[in-house]
Amino acid sequence: MIPESEIFLGTLLSAAFGFLIGEAFGDSRRHRKCLEQANEDLREQLQNNPSNTTNLRSALDQQRRVINDIHKRVIAVTKGLEKQPR
């Protein structure tokens, strides 16, 4: 026969293991809910402030034009260096 102390120890270990697993999954779920709420808040801020996105878009368009212009000039210089007579 199994002594009562072994049964009690097995029950205690099972309960502790179940508690730890539940705590881990509960914590990850709480963390996920918090992140989802933060994500939703950021989406609402983005939708409520369209002028900010317009400014960002215009700044990105300006940067894109500058980078494209620099790229064209670098390509022209590089091709000119390759075609030099020797």
Protein backbone atom coordinates (compact mmCIF):
# COMPACT_ATOMS: atom_id res chain seq x y z
CA MET A 1 0.00 0.00 0.00
CA ILE A 2 1.02 3.59 -0.61
CA PRO A 3 1.44 5.65 2.54
CA GLU A 4 -0.72 8.76 2.91
CA SER A 5 2.33 11.01 2.84
CA GLU A 6 3.20 9.89 -0.72
CA ILE A 7 -0.37 10.50 -1.87
CA PHE A 8 -0.32 13.92 -0.24
CA LEU A 9 3.06 14.73 -1.82
CA GLY A 10 1.85 13.64 -5.27
CA THR A 11 -1.29 15.74 -4.92
CA LEU A 12 0.73 18.71 -3.74
CA LEU A 13 3.18 18.42 -6.65
CA SER A 14 0.32 18.10 -9.16
CA ALA A 15 -1.42 21.13 -7.73
CA ALA A 16 1.80 23.17 -7.76
CA PHE A 17 2.56 22.15 -11.34
CA GLY A 18 -0.99 23.02 -12.41
CA PHE A 19 -0.74 26.38 -10.68
CA LEU A 20 2.57 27.20 -12.40
CA ILE A 21 1.23 26.24 -15.82
CA GLY A 22 -1.95 28.26 -15.23
CA GLU A 23 0.06 31.25 -14.07
CA ALA A 24 2.32 31.11 -17.12
CA PHE A 25 -0.55 30.87 -19.59
CA GLY A 26 -2.56 33.50 -17.71
CA ASP A 27 0.38 35.88 -17.72
CA SER A 28 0.95 35.45 -21.45
CA ARG A 29 -2.74 36.01 -22.09
CA ARG A 30 -2.76 39.19 -19.95
CA HIS A 31 0.34 40.40 -21.76
CA ARG A 32 -1.26 39.68 -25.14
CA LYS A 33 -4.45 41.53 -24.17
CA CYS A 34 -2.39 44.52 -23.02
CA LEU A 35 -0.49 44.59 -26.33
CA GLU A 36 -3.72 44.29 -28.32
CA GLN A 37 -5.16 47.24 -26.40
CA ALA A 38 -2.03 49.31 -27.01
CA ASN A 39 -2.22 48.41 -30.71
CA GLU A 40 -5.86 49.50 -30.86
CA ASP A 41 -5.03 52.79 -29.13
CA LEU A 42 -2.29 53.49 -31.66
CA ARG A 43 -4.66 52.74 -34.55
CA GLU A 44 -7.21 55.15 -33.12
CA GLN A 45 -4.56 57.85 -32.71
CA LEU A 46 -3.47 57.35 -36.31
CA GLN A 47 -7.04 57.60 -37.58
CA ASN A 48 -7.81 60.65 -35.42
CA ASN A 49 -4.77 62.59 -36.59
CA PRO A 50 -4.66 62.42 -40.41
CA SER A 51 -2.67 65.68 -40.68
CA ASN A 52 0.28 63.99 -39.01
CA THR A 53 0.23 61.17 -41.59
CA THR A 54 0.01 63.75 -44.38
CA ASN A 55 3.12 65.48 -43.05
CA LEU A 56 4.93 62.17 -42.79
CA ARG A 57 3.93 61.23 -46.34
CA SER A 58 5.12 64.53 -47.75
CA ALA A 59 8.43 64.20 -45.87
CA LEU A 60 8.88 60.65 -47.18
CA ASP A 61 8.06 61.76 -50.73
CA GLN A 62 10.63 64.55 -50.48
CA GLN A 63 13.26 62.11 -49.19
CA ARG A 64 12.41 59.69 -51.98
CA ARG A 65 12.90 62.42 -54.60
CA VAL A 66 16.25 63.44 -53.11
CA ILE A 67 17.49 59.85 -52.96
CA ASN A 68 16.35 59.22 -56.54
CA ASP A 69 18.17 62.36 -57.72
CA ILE A 70 21.35 61.32 -55.90
CA HIS A 71 21.08 57.83 -57.37
CA LYS A 72 20.79 59.21 -60.92
CA ARG A 73 23.87 61.37 -60.44
CA VAL A 74 25.93 58.55 -58.93
CA ILE A 75 24.96 56.20 -61.77
CA ALA A 76 25.90 58.84 -64.34
CA VAL A 77 29.31 59.38 -62.74
CA THR A 78 29.91 55.64 -62.40
CA LYS A 79 29.06 55.01 -66.05
CA GLY A 80 31.27 57.92 -67.06
CA LEU A 81 34.20 56.43 -65.17
CA GLU A 82 33.69 53.06 -66.83
CA LYS A 83 33.72 54.57 -70.36
CA GLN A 84 36.93 56.59 -70.01
CA PRO A 85 39.45 55.94 -72.80
CA ARG A 86 42.70 54.39 -71.67
